[in-house]
mmCIF file of all heavy atoms, coordinates in Angstrom:
data_MODEL
# 
_entry.id   MODEL 
# 
loop_
_atom_site.group_PDB 
_atom_site.id 
_atom_site.type_symbol 
_atom_site.label_atom_id 
_atom_site.label_alt_id 
_atom_site.label_comp_id 
_atom_site.label_asym_id 
_atom_site.label_entity_id 
_atom_site.label_seq_id 
_atom_site.pdbx_PDB_ins_code 
_atom_site.Cartn_x 
_atom_site.Cartn_y 
_atom_site.Cartn_z 
_atom_site.occupancy 
_atom_site.B_iso_or_equiv 
_atom_site.pdbx_formal_charge 
_atom_site.auth_seq_id 
_atom_site.auth_comp_id 
_atom_site.auth_asym_id 
_atom_site.auth_atom_id 
_atom_site.pdbx_PDB_model_num 
ATOM 1   N N   . PHE A 1 1  ? -6.009  7.608  -16.160 1.00 0.00 ? 1  PHE A N   1 
ATOM 2   C CA  . PHE A 1 1  ? -5.660  6.188  -15.776 1.00 0.00 ? 1  PHE A CA  1 
ATOM 3   C C   . PHE A 1 1  ? -4.187  6.124  -15.257 1.00 0.00 ? 1  PHE A C   1 
ATOM 4   O O   . PHE A 1 1  ? -3.952  5.293  -14.374 1.00 0.00 ? 1  PHE A O   1 
ATOM 5   C CB  . PHE A 1 1  ? -5.945  5.253  -16.959 1.00 0.00 ? 1  PHE A CB  1 
ATOM 6   C CG  . PHE A 1 1  ? -7.248  4.784  -17.077 1.00 0.00 ? 1  PHE A CG  1 
ATOM 7   C CD1 . PHE A 1 1  ? -8.207  5.501  -17.807 1.00 0.00 ? 1  PHE A CD1 1 
ATOM 8   C CD2 . PHE A 1 1  ? -7.726  3.675  -16.505 1.00 0.00 ? 1  PHE A CD2 1 
ATOM 9   C CE1 . PHE A 1 1  ? -9.520  5.150  -17.932 1.00 0.00 ? 1  PHE A CE1 1 
ATOM 10  C CE2 . PHE A 1 1  ? -9.045  3.209  -16.603 1.00 0.00 ? 1  PHE A CE2 1 
ATOM 11  C CZ  . PHE A 1 1  ? -9.965  3.970  -17.354 1.00 0.00 ? 1  PHE A CZ  1 
ATOM 12  N N   . ALA A 1 2  ? -3.322  6.946  -15.781 1.00 0.00 ? 2  ALA A N   1 
ATOM 13  C CA  . ALA A 1 2  ? -1.937  6.950  -15.401 1.00 0.00 ? 2  ALA A CA  1 
ATOM 14  C C   . ALA A 1 2  ? -1.780  7.422  -13.951 1.00 0.00 ? 2  ALA A C   1 
ATOM 15  O O   . ALA A 1 2  ? -0.821  7.083  -13.275 1.00 0.00 ? 2  ALA A O   1 
ATOM 16  C CB  . ALA A 1 2  ? -1.073  7.786  -16.318 1.00 0.00 ? 2  ALA A CB  1 
ATOM 17  N N   . ARG A 1 3  ? -2.805  8.200  -13.455 1.00 0.00 ? 3  ARG A N   1 
ATOM 18  C CA  . ARG A 1 3  ? -2.717  8.657  -12.086 1.00 0.00 ? 3  ARG A CA  1 
ATOM 19  C C   . ARG A 1 3  ? -3.162  7.620  -11.029 1.00 0.00 ? 3  ARG A C   1 
ATOM 20  O O   . ARG A 1 3  ? -2.840  7.736  -9.873  1.00 0.00 ? 3  ARG A O   1 
ATOM 21  C CB  . ARG A 1 3  ? -3.698  9.903  -11.923 1.00 0.00 ? 3  ARG A CB  1 
ATOM 22  C CG  . ARG A 1 3  ? -3.316  11.071 -12.766 1.00 0.00 ? 3  ARG A CG  1 
ATOM 23  C CD  . ARG A 1 3  ? -2.025  11.845 -12.224 1.00 0.00 ? 3  ARG A CD  1 
ATOM 24  N NE  . ARG A 1 3  ? -2.350  12.575 -10.986 1.00 0.00 ? 3  ARG A NE  1 
ATOM 25  C CZ  . ARG A 1 3  ? -1.405  13.261 -10.329 1.00 0.00 ? 3  ARG A CZ  1 
ATOM 26  N NH1 . ARG A 1 3  ? -0.217  13.251 -10.682 1.00 0.00 ? 3  ARG A NH1 1 
ATOM 27  N NH2 . ARG A 1 3  ? -1.846  13.975 -9.262  1.00 0.00 ? 3  ARG A NH2 1 
ATOM 28  N N   . LEU A 1 4  ? -3.802  6.578  -11.524 1.00 0.00 ? 4  LEU A N   1 
ATOM 29  C CA  . LEU A 1 4  ? -4.287  5.521  -10.591 1.00 0.00 ? 4  LEU A CA  1 
ATOM 30  C C   . LEU A 1 4  ? -3.187  4.546  -10.308 1.00 0.00 ? 4  LEU A C   1 
ATOM 31  O O   . LEU A 1 4  ? -2.429  4.161  -11.204 1.00 0.00 ? 4  LEU A O   1 
ATOM 32  C CB  . LEU A 1 4  ? -5.441  4.816  -11.237 1.00 0.00 ? 4  LEU A CB  1 
ATOM 33  C CG  . LEU A 1 4  ? -6.803  5.682  -11.473 1.00 0.00 ? 4  LEU A CG  1 
ATOM 34  C CD1 . LEU A 1 4  ? -7.765  4.868  -12.270 1.00 0.00 ? 4  LEU A CD1 1 
ATOM 35  C CD2 . LEU A 1 4  ? -7.365  6.063  -10.035 1.00 0.00 ? 4  LEU A CD2 1 
ATOM 36  N N   . ARG A 1 5  ? -3.226  4.020  -9.088  1.00 0.00 ? 5  ARG A N   1 
ATOM 37  C CA  . ARG A 1 5  ? -2.363  2.906  -8.708  1.00 0.00 ? 5  ARG A CA  1 
ATOM 38  C C   . ARG A 1 5  ? -2.795  1.645  -9.378  1.00 0.00 ? 5  ARG A C   1 
ATOM 39  O O   . ARG A 1 5  ? -4.030  1.380  -9.458  1.00 0.00 ? 5  ARG A O   1 
ATOM 40  C CB  . ARG A 1 5  ? -2.238  2.760  -7.265  1.00 0.00 ? 5  ARG A CB  1 
ATOM 41  C CG  . ARG A 1 5  ? -1.690  3.909  -6.467  1.00 0.00 ? 5  ARG A CG  1 
ATOM 42  C CD  . ARG A 1 5  ? -1.475  3.548  -4.977  1.00 0.00 ? 5  ARG A CD  1 
ATOM 43  N NE  . ARG A 1 5  ? -2.647  3.243  -4.323  1.00 0.00 ? 5  ARG A NE  1 
ATOM 44  C CZ  . ARG A 1 5  ? -3.569  4.152  -3.777  1.00 0.00 ? 5  ARG A CZ  1 
ATOM 45  N NH1 . ARG A 1 5  ? -3.238  5.449  -3.804  1.00 0.00 ? 5  ARG A NH1 1 
ATOM 46  N NH2 . ARG A 1 5  ? -4.640  3.793  -3.190  1.00 0.00 ? 5  ARG A NH2 1 
ATOM 47  N N   . PRO A 1 6  ? -1.926  0.846  -9.957  1.00 0.00 ? 6  PRO A N   1 
ATOM 48  C CA  . PRO A 1 6  ? -2.334  -0.432 -10.539 1.00 0.00 ? 6  PRO A CA  1 
ATOM 49  C C   . PRO A 1 6  ? -3.186  -1.249 -9.517  1.00 0.00 ? 6  PRO A C   1 
ATOM 50  O O   . PRO A 1 6  ? -2.781  -1.296 -8.337  1.00 0.00 ? 6  PRO A O   1 
ATOM 51  C CB  . PRO A 1 6  ? -1.039  -1.183 -10.967 1.00 0.00 ? 6  PRO A CB  1 
ATOM 52  C CG  . PRO A 1 6  ? -0.035  -0.037 -11.169 1.00 0.00 ? 6  PRO A CG  1 
ATOM 53  C CD  . PRO A 1 6  ? -0.449  1.043  -10.150 1.00 0.00 ? 6  PRO A CD  1 
ATOM 54  N N   . GLY A 1 7  ? -4.301  -1.863 -10.006 1.00 0.00 ? 7  GLY A N   1 
ATOM 55  C CA  . GLY A 1 7  ? -5.112  -2.572 -9.139  1.00 0.00 ? 7  GLY A CA  1 
ATOM 56  C C   . GLY A 1 7  ? -6.265  -1.815 -8.549  1.00 0.00 ? 7  GLY A C   1 
ATOM 57  O O   . GLY A 1 7  ? -7.056  -2.394 -7.751  1.00 0.00 ? 7  GLY A O   1 
ATOM 58  N N   . THR A 1 8  ? -6.352  -0.463 -8.751  1.00 0.00 ? 8  THR A N   1 
ATOM 59  C CA  . THR A 1 8  ? -7.443  0.308  -8.193  1.00 0.00 ? 8  THR A CA  1 
ATOM 60  C C   . THR A 1 8  ? -8.701  0.011  -8.895  1.00 0.00 ? 8  THR A C   1 
ATOM 61  O O   . THR A 1 8  ? -8.796  0.193  -10.113 1.00 0.00 ? 8  THR A O   1 
ATOM 62  C CB  . THR A 1 8  ? -7.086  1.842  -8.296  1.00 0.00 ? 8  THR A CB  1 
ATOM 63  O OG1 . THR A 1 8  ? -5.854  2.147  -7.690  1.00 0.00 ? 8  THR A OG1 1 
ATOM 64  C CG2 . THR A 1 8  ? -8.230  2.657  -7.717  1.00 0.00 ? 8  THR A CG2 1 
ATOM 65  N N   . PRO A 1 9  ? -9.725  -0.517 -8.204  1.00 0.00 ? 9  PRO A N   1 
ATOM 66  C CA  . PRO A 1 9  ? -10.951 -0.935 -8.932  1.00 0.00 ? 9  PRO A CA  1 
ATOM 67  C C   . PRO A 1 9  ? -11.706 0.347  -9.414  1.00 0.00 ? 9  PRO A C   1 
ATOM 68  O O   . PRO A 1 9  ? -11.795 1.377  -8.799  1.00 0.00 ? 9  PRO A O   1 
ATOM 69  C CB  . PRO A 1 9  ? -11.749 -1.572 -7.803  1.00 0.00 ? 9  PRO A CB  1 
ATOM 70  C CG  . PRO A 1 9  ? -10.825 -1.870 -6.714  1.00 0.00 ? 9  PRO A CG  1 
ATOM 71  C CD  . PRO A 1 9  ? -9.748  -0.865 -6.753  1.00 0.00 ? 9  PRO A CD  1 
ATOM 72  N N   . LEU A 1 10 ? -12.279 0.186  -10.617 1.00 0.00 ? 10 LEU A N   1 
ATOM 73  C CA  . LEU A 1 10 ? -13.110 1.222  -11.238 1.00 0.00 ? 10 LEU A CA  1 
ATOM 74  C C   . LEU A 1 10 ? -14.500 0.643  -11.464 1.00 0.00 ? 10 LEU A C   1 
ATOM 75  O O   . LEU A 1 10 ? -14.723 -0.290 -12.237 1.00 0.00 ? 10 LEU A O   1 
ATOM 76  C CB  . LEU A 1 10 ? -12.543 1.612  -12.592 1.00 0.00 ? 10 LEU A CB  1 
ATOM 77  C CG  . LEU A 1 10 ? -13.435 2.517  -13.456 1.00 0.00 ? 10 LEU A CG  1 
ATOM 78  C CD1 . LEU A 1 10 ? -13.675 3.864  -12.848 1.00 0.00 ? 10 LEU A CD1 1 
ATOM 79  C CD2 . LEU A 1 10 ? -12.843 2.723  -14.862 1.00 0.00 ? 10 LEU A CD2 1 
ATOM 80  N N   . PHE A 1 11 ? -15.487 1.219  -10.743 1.00 0.00 ? 11 PHE A N   1 
ATOM 81  C CA  . PHE A 1 11 ? -16.843 0.902  -10.990 1.00 0.00 ? 11 PHE A CA  1 
ATOM 82  C C   . PHE A 1 11 ? -17.430 1.853  -11.969 1.00 0.00 ? 11 PHE A C   1 
ATOM 83  O O   . PHE A 1 11 ? -17.274 3.035  -11.873 1.00 0.00 ? 11 PHE A O   1 
ATOM 84  C CB  . PHE A 1 11 ? -17.695 1.011  -9.674  1.00 0.00 ? 11 PHE A CB  1 
ATOM 85  C CG  . PHE A 1 11 ? -17.425 -0.031 -8.601  1.00 0.00 ? 11 PHE A CG  1 
ATOM 86  C CD1 . PHE A 1 11 ? -16.327 0.046  -7.801  1.00 0.00 ? 11 PHE A CD1 1 
ATOM 87  C CD2 . PHE A 1 11 ? -18.299 -1.104 -8.480  1.00 0.00 ? 11 PHE A CD2 1 
ATOM 88  C CE1 . PHE A 1 11 ? -16.060 -0.952 -6.840  1.00 0.00 ? 11 PHE A CE1 1 
ATOM 89  C CE2 . PHE A 1 11 ? -17.961 -2.136 -7.516  1.00 0.00 ? 11 PHE A CE2 1 
ATOM 90  C CZ  . PHE A 1 11 ? -16.894 -1.990 -6.660  1.00 0.00 ? 11 PHE A CZ  1 
ATOM 91  N N   . ILE A 1 12 ? -18.158 1.344  -12.981 1.00 0.00 ? 12 ILE A N   1 
ATOM 92  C CA  . ILE A 1 12 ? -18.845 2.197  -14.004 1.00 0.00 ? 12 ILE A CA  1 
ATOM 93  C C   . ILE A 1 12 ? -19.985 1.430  -14.544 1.00 0.00 ? 12 ILE A C   1 
ATOM 94  O O   . ILE A 1 12 ? -19.956 0.180  -14.628 1.00 0.00 ? 12 ILE A O   1 
ATOM 95  C CB  . ILE A 1 12 ? -17.806 2.545  -15.144 1.00 0.00 ? 12 ILE A CB  1 
ATOM 96  C CG1 . ILE A 1 12 ? -18.357 3.534  -16.094 1.00 0.00 ? 12 ILE A CG1 1 
ATOM 97  C CG2 . ILE A 1 12 ? -17.331 1.291  -15.892 1.00 0.00 ? 12 ILE A CG2 1 
ATOM 98  C CD1 . ILE A 1 12 ? -17.377 4.158  -17.047 1.00 0.00 ? 12 ILE A CD1 1 
ATOM 99  N N   . GLY A 1 13 ? -21.008 2.155  -14.912 1.00 0.00 ? 13 GLY A N   1 
ATOM 100 C CA  . GLY A 1 13 ? -22.232 1.534  -15.440 1.00 0.00 ? 13 GLY A CA  1 
ATOM 101 C C   . GLY A 1 13 ? -21.988 0.551  -16.532 1.00 0.00 ? 13 GLY A C   1 
ATOM 102 O O   . GLY A 1 13 ? -22.346 -0.650 -16.469 1.00 0.00 ? 13 GLY A O   1 
ATOM 103 N N   . LYS A 1 14 ? -21.332 1.044  -17.604 1.00 0.00 ? 14 LYS A N   1 
ATOM 104 C CA  . LYS A 1 14 ? -20.865 0.184  -18.725 1.00 0.00 ? 14 LYS A CA  1 
ATOM 105 C C   . LYS A 1 14 ? -19.610 0.722  -19.244 1.00 0.00 ? 14 LYS A C   1 
ATOM 106 O O   . LYS A 1 14 ? -19.506 1.952  -19.508 1.00 0.00 ? 14 LYS A O   1 
ATOM 107 C CB  . LYS A 1 14 ? -21.947 0.135  -19.833 1.00 0.00 ? 14 LYS A CB  1 
ATOM 108 C CG  . LYS A 1 14 ? -21.569 -0.837 -20.992 1.00 0.00 ? 14 LYS A CG  1 
ATOM 109 C CD  . LYS A 1 14 ? -22.739 -0.931 -21.964 1.00 0.00 ? 14 LYS A CD  1 
ATOM 110 C CE  . LYS A 1 14 ? -22.368 -1.792 -23.106 1.00 0.00 ? 14 LYS A CE  1 
ATOM 111 N NZ  . LYS A 1 14 ? -22.044 -3.257 -22.712 1.00 0.00 ? 14 LYS A NZ  1 
ATOM 112 N N   . ALA A 1 15 ? -18.620 -0.086 -19.475 1.00 0.00 ? 15 ALA A N   1 
ATOM 113 C CA  . ALA A 1 15 ? -17.308 0.393  -19.929 1.00 0.00 ? 15 ALA A CA  1 
ATOM 114 C C   . ALA A 1 15 ? -17.230 0.431  -21.482 1.00 0.00 ? 15 ALA A C   1 
ATOM 115 O O   . ALA A 1 15 ? -17.355 -0.647 -22.101 1.00 0.00 ? 15 ALA A O   1 
ATOM 116 C CB  . ALA A 1 15 ? -16.184 -0.488 -19.397 1.00 0.00 ? 15 ALA A CB  1 
ATOM 117 N N   . LYS A 1 16 ? -17.101 1.640  -22.066 1.00 0.00 ? 16 LYS A N   1 
ATOM 118 C CA  . LYS A 1 16 ? -16.947 1.715  -23.451 1.00 0.00 ? 16 LYS A CA  1 
ATOM 119 C C   . LYS A 1 16 ? -15.564 1.194  -23.778 1.00 0.00 ? 16 LYS A C   1 
ATOM 120 O O   . LYS A 1 16 ? -14.667 1.024  -22.980 1.00 0.00 ? 16 LYS A O   1 
ATOM 121 C CB  . LYS A 1 16 ? -17.006 3.179  -23.912 1.00 0.00 ? 16 LYS A CB  1 
ATOM 122 C CG  . LYS A 1 16 ? -18.363 3.827  -23.668 1.00 0.00 ? 16 LYS A CG  1 
ATOM 123 C CD  . LYS A 1 16 ? -19.418 3.260  -24.672 1.00 0.00 ? 16 LYS A CD  1 
ATOM 124 C CE  . LYS A 1 16 ? -20.618 4.146  -24.721 1.00 0.00 ? 16 LYS A CE  1 
ATOM 125 N NZ  . LYS A 1 16 ? -21.389 4.385  -23.529 1.00 0.00 ? 16 LYS A NZ  1 
ATOM 126 N N   . PRO A 1 17 ? -15.333 0.806  -25.143 1.00 0.00 ? 17 PRO A N   1 
ATOM 127 C CA  . PRO A 1 17 ? -14.028 0.228  -25.516 1.00 0.00 ? 17 PRO A CA  1 
ATOM 128 C C   . PRO A 1 17 ? -12.843 1.056  -25.039 1.00 0.00 ? 17 PRO A C   1 
ATOM 129 O O   . PRO A 1 17 ? -11.798 0.529  -24.636 1.00 0.00 ? 17 PRO A O   1 
ATOM 130 C CB  . PRO A 1 17 ? -14.144 0.059  -27.004 1.00 0.00 ? 17 PRO A CB  1 
ATOM 131 C CG  . PRO A 1 17 ? -15.598 -0.088 -27.207 1.00 0.00 ? 17 PRO A CG  1 
ATOM 132 C CD  . PRO A 1 17 ? -16.262 0.733  -26.207 1.00 0.00 ? 17 PRO A CD  1 
ATOM 133 N N   . VAL A 1 18 ? -12.915 2.385  -25.110 1.00 0.00 ? 18 VAL A N   1 
ATOM 134 C CA  . VAL A 1 18 ? -11.759 3.250  -24.760 1.00 0.00 ? 18 VAL A CA  1 
ATOM 135 C C   . VAL A 1 18 ? -11.459 3.024  -23.288 1.00 0.00 ? 18 VAL A C   1 
ATOM 136 O O   . VAL A 1 18 ? -10.302 3.014  -22.865 1.00 0.00 ? 18 VAL A O   1 
ATOM 137 C CB  . VAL A 1 18 ? -12.095 4.728  -25.030 1.00 0.00 ? 18 VAL A CB  1 
ATOM 138 C CG1 . VAL A 1 18 ? -13.287 5.263  -24.202 1.00 0.00 ? 18 VAL A CG1 1 
ATOM 139 C CG2 . VAL A 1 18 ? -10.855 5.596  -24.801 1.00 0.00 ? 18 VAL A CG2 1 
ATOM 140 N N   . ILE A 1 19 ? -12.465 2.881  -22.460 1.00 0.00 ? 19 ILE A N   1 
ATOM 141 C CA  . ILE A 1 19 ? -12.225 2.627  -21.030 1.00 0.00 ? 19 ILE A CA  1 
ATOM 142 C C   . ILE A 1 19 ? -11.624 1.234  -20.801 1.00 0.00 ? 19 ILE A C   1 
ATOM 143 O O   . ILE A 1 19 ? -10.690 1.118  -20.019 1.00 0.00 ? 19 ILE A O   1 
ATOM 144 C CB  . ILE A 1 19 ? -13.568 2.755  -20.196 1.00 0.00 ? 19 ILE A CB  1 
ATOM 145 C CG1 . ILE A 1 19 ? -14.135 4.196  -20.424 1.00 0.00 ? 19 ILE A CG1 1 
ATOM 146 C CG2 . ILE A 1 19 ? -13.369 2.400  -18.758 1.00 0.00 ? 19 ILE A CG2 1 
ATOM 147 C CD1 . ILE A 1 19 ? -13.343 5.286  -19.884 1.00 0.00 ? 19 ILE A CD1 1 
ATOM 148 N N   . ARG A 1 20 ? -12.098 0.246  -21.462 1.00 0.00 ? 20 ARG A N   1 
ATOM 149 C CA  . ARG A 1 20 ? -11.573 -1.071 -21.378 1.00 0.00 ? 20 ARG A CA  1 
ATOM 150 C C   . ARG A 1 20 ? -10.121 -1.172 -21.790 1.00 0.00 ? 20 ARG A C   1 
ATOM 151 O O   . ARG A 1 20 ? -9.259  -1.728 -21.116 1.00 0.00 ? 20 ARG A O   1 
ATOM 152 C CB  . ARG A 1 20 ? -12.373 -2.060 -22.279 1.00 0.00 ? 20 ARG A CB  1 
ATOM 153 C CG  . ARG A 1 20 ? -13.656 -2.429 -21.673 1.00 0.00 ? 20 ARG A CG  1 
ATOM 154 C CD  . ARG A 1 20 ? -13.530 -3.484 -20.647 1.00 0.00 ? 20 ARG A CD  1 
ATOM 155 N NE  . ARG A 1 20 ? -14.755 -3.944 -20.024 1.00 0.00 ? 20 ARG A NE  1 
ATOM 156 C CZ  . ARG A 1 20 ? -14.910 -4.624 -18.937 1.00 0.00 ? 20 ARG A CZ  1 
ATOM 157 N NH1 . ARG A 1 20 ? -13.815 -4.875 -18.259 1.00 0.00 ? 20 ARG A NH1 1 
ATOM 158 N NH2 . ARG A 1 20 ? -16.092 -5.008 -18.472 1.00 0.00 ? 20 ARG A NH2 1 
ATOM 159 N N   . ASP A 1 21 ? -9.789  -0.478 -22.872 1.00 0.00 ? 21 ASP A N   1 
ATOM 160 C CA  . ASP A 1 21 ? -8.411  -0.445 -23.395 1.00 0.00 ? 21 ASP A CA  1 
ATOM 161 C C   . ASP A 1 21 ? -7.460  0.172  -22.414 1.00 0.00 ? 21 ASP A C   1 
ATOM 162 O O   . ASP A 1 21 ? -6.417  -0.316 -22.134 1.00 0.00 ? 21 ASP A O   1 
ATOM 163 C CB  . ASP A 1 21 ? -8.371  0.178  -24.781 1.00 0.00 ? 21 ASP A CB  1 
ATOM 164 C CG  . ASP A 1 21 ? -9.086  -0.603 -25.878 1.00 0.00 ? 21 ASP A CG  1 
ATOM 165 O OD1 . ASP A 1 21 ? -9.332  -1.786 -25.653 1.00 0.00 ? 21 ASP A OD1 1 
ATOM 166 O OD2 . ASP A 1 21 ? -9.291  0.037  -26.950 1.00 0.00 ? 21 ASP A OD2 1 
ATOM 167 N N   . LEU A 1 22 ? -7.818  1.367  -21.893 1.00 0.00 ? 22 LEU A N   1 
ATOM 168 C CA  . LEU A 1 22 ? -6.970  2.002  -20.946 1.00 0.00 ? 22 LEU A CA  1 
ATOM 169 C C   . LEU A 1 22 ? -6.871  1.282  -19.609 1.00 0.00 ? 22 LEU A C   1 
ATOM 170 O O   . LEU A 1 22 ? -5.786  1.212  -19.016 1.00 0.00 ? 22 LEU A O   1 
ATOM 171 C CB  . LEU A 1 22 ? -7.511  3.477  -20.677 1.00 0.00 ? 22 LEU A CB  1 
ATOM 172 C CG  . LEU A 1 22 ? -7.354  4.448  -21.854 1.00 0.00 ? 22 LEU A CG  1 
ATOM 173 C CD1 . LEU A 1 22 ? -8.085  5.739  -21.625 1.00 0.00 ? 22 LEU A CD1 1 
ATOM 174 C CD2 . LEU A 1 22 ? -5.827  4.702  -22.036 1.00 0.00 ? 22 LEU A CD2 1 
ATOM 175 N N   . ALA A 1 23 ? -7.941  0.667  -19.176 1.00 0.00 ? 23 ALA A N   1 
ATOM 176 C CA  . ALA A 1 23 ? -7.901  -0.147 -17.971 1.00 0.00 ? 23 ALA A CA  1 
ATOM 177 C C   . ALA A 1 23 ? -6.976  -1.318 -18.089 1.00 0.00 ? 23 ALA A C   1 
ATOM 178 O O   . ALA A 1 23 ? -6.237  -1.633 -17.224 1.00 0.00 ? 23 ALA A O   1 
ATOM 179 C CB  . ALA A 1 23 ? -9.305  -0.598 -17.604 1.00 0.00 ? 23 ALA A CB  1 
ATOM 180 N N   . ASP A 1 24 ? -6.986  -1.937 -19.244 1.00 0.00 ? 24 ASP A N   1 
ATOM 181 C CA  . ASP A 1 24 ? -6.079  -3.063 -19.479 1.00 0.00 ? 24 ASP A CA  1 
ATOM 182 C C   . ASP A 1 24 ? -4.644  -2.624 -19.460 1.00 0.00 ? 24 ASP A C   1 
ATOM 183 O O   . ASP A 1 24 ? -3.734  -3.247 -18.905 1.00 0.00 ? 24 ASP A O   1 
ATOM 184 C CB  . ASP A 1 24 ? -6.444  -3.757 -20.848 1.00 0.00 ? 24 ASP A CB  1 
ATOM 185 C CG  . ASP A 1 24 ? -7.720  -4.610 -20.767 1.00 0.00 ? 24 ASP A CG  1 
ATOM 186 O OD1 . ASP A 1 24 ? -8.179  -4.800 -19.630 1.00 0.00 ? 24 ASP A OD1 1 
ATOM 187 O OD2 . ASP A 1 24 ? -8.241  -4.928 -21.838 1.00 0.00 ? 24 ASP A OD2 1 
ATOM 188 N N   . LYS A 1 25 ? -4.421  -1.469 -20.119 1.00 0.00 ? 25 LYS A N   1 
ATOM 189 C CA  . LYS A 1 25 ? -3.088  -0.965 -20.260 1.00 0.00 ? 25 LYS A CA  1 
ATOM 190 C C   . LYS A 1 25 ? -2.443  -0.611 -18.863 1.00 0.00 ? 25 LYS A C   1 
ATOM 191 O O   . LYS A 1 25 ? -1.281  -0.886 -18.638 1.00 0.00 ? 25 LYS A O   1 
ATOM 192 C CB  . LYS A 1 25 ? -3.057  0.285  -21.170 1.00 0.00 ? 25 LYS A CB  1 
ATOM 193 C CG  . LYS A 1 25 ? -1.650  0.939  -21.317 1.00 0.00 ? 25 LYS A CG  1 
ATOM 194 C CD  . LYS A 1 25 ? -1.698  2.100  -22.301 1.00 0.00 ? 25 LYS A CD  1 
ATOM 195 C CE  . LYS A 1 25 ? -0.335  2.730  -22.422 1.00 0.00 ? 25 LYS A CE  1 
ATOM 196 N NZ  . LYS A 1 25 ? -0.363  3.801  -23.400 1.00 0.00 ? 25 LYS A NZ  1 
ATOM 197 N N   . TYR A 1 26 ? -3.282  -0.061 -18.028 1.00 0.00 ? 26 TYR A N   1 
ATOM 198 C CA  . TYR A 1 26 ? -2.806  0.395  -16.689 1.00 0.00 ? 26 TYR A CA  1 
ATOM 199 C C   . TYR A 1 26 ? -3.203  -0.504 -15.539 1.00 0.00 ? 26 TYR A C   1 
ATOM 200 O O   . TYR A 1 26 ? -3.009  -0.209 -14.387 1.00 0.00 ? 26 TYR A O   1 
ATOM 201 C CB  . TYR A 1 26 ? -3.319  1.794  -16.410 1.00 0.00 ? 26 TYR A CB  1 
ATOM 202 C CG  . TYR A 1 26 ? -2.614  2.869  -17.286 1.00 0.00 ? 26 TYR A CG  1 
ATOM 203 C CD1 . TYR A 1 26 ? -3.184  3.274  -18.488 1.00 0.00 ? 26 TYR A CD1 1 
ATOM 204 C CD2 . TYR A 1 26 ? -1.409  3.408  -16.915 1.00 0.00 ? 26 TYR A CD2 1 
ATOM 205 C CE1 . TYR A 1 26 ? -2.480  4.201  -19.308 1.00 0.00 ? 26 TYR A CE1 1 
ATOM 206 C CE2 . TYR A 1 26 ? -0.737  4.282  -17.680 1.00 0.00 ? 26 TYR A CE2 1 
ATOM 207 C CZ  . TYR A 1 26 ? -1.264  4.704  -18.904 1.00 0.00 ? 26 TYR A CZ  1 
ATOM 208 O OH  . TYR A 1 26 ? -0.666  5.591  -19.691 1.00 0.00 ? 26 TYR A OH  1 
# 
């Protein structure tokens, strides 16, 4: 997640809590 530019959309079937938390952080 740190490698992504802020605002880069992530498509995923279903976001587990770990994905949600990191996405919010970055």
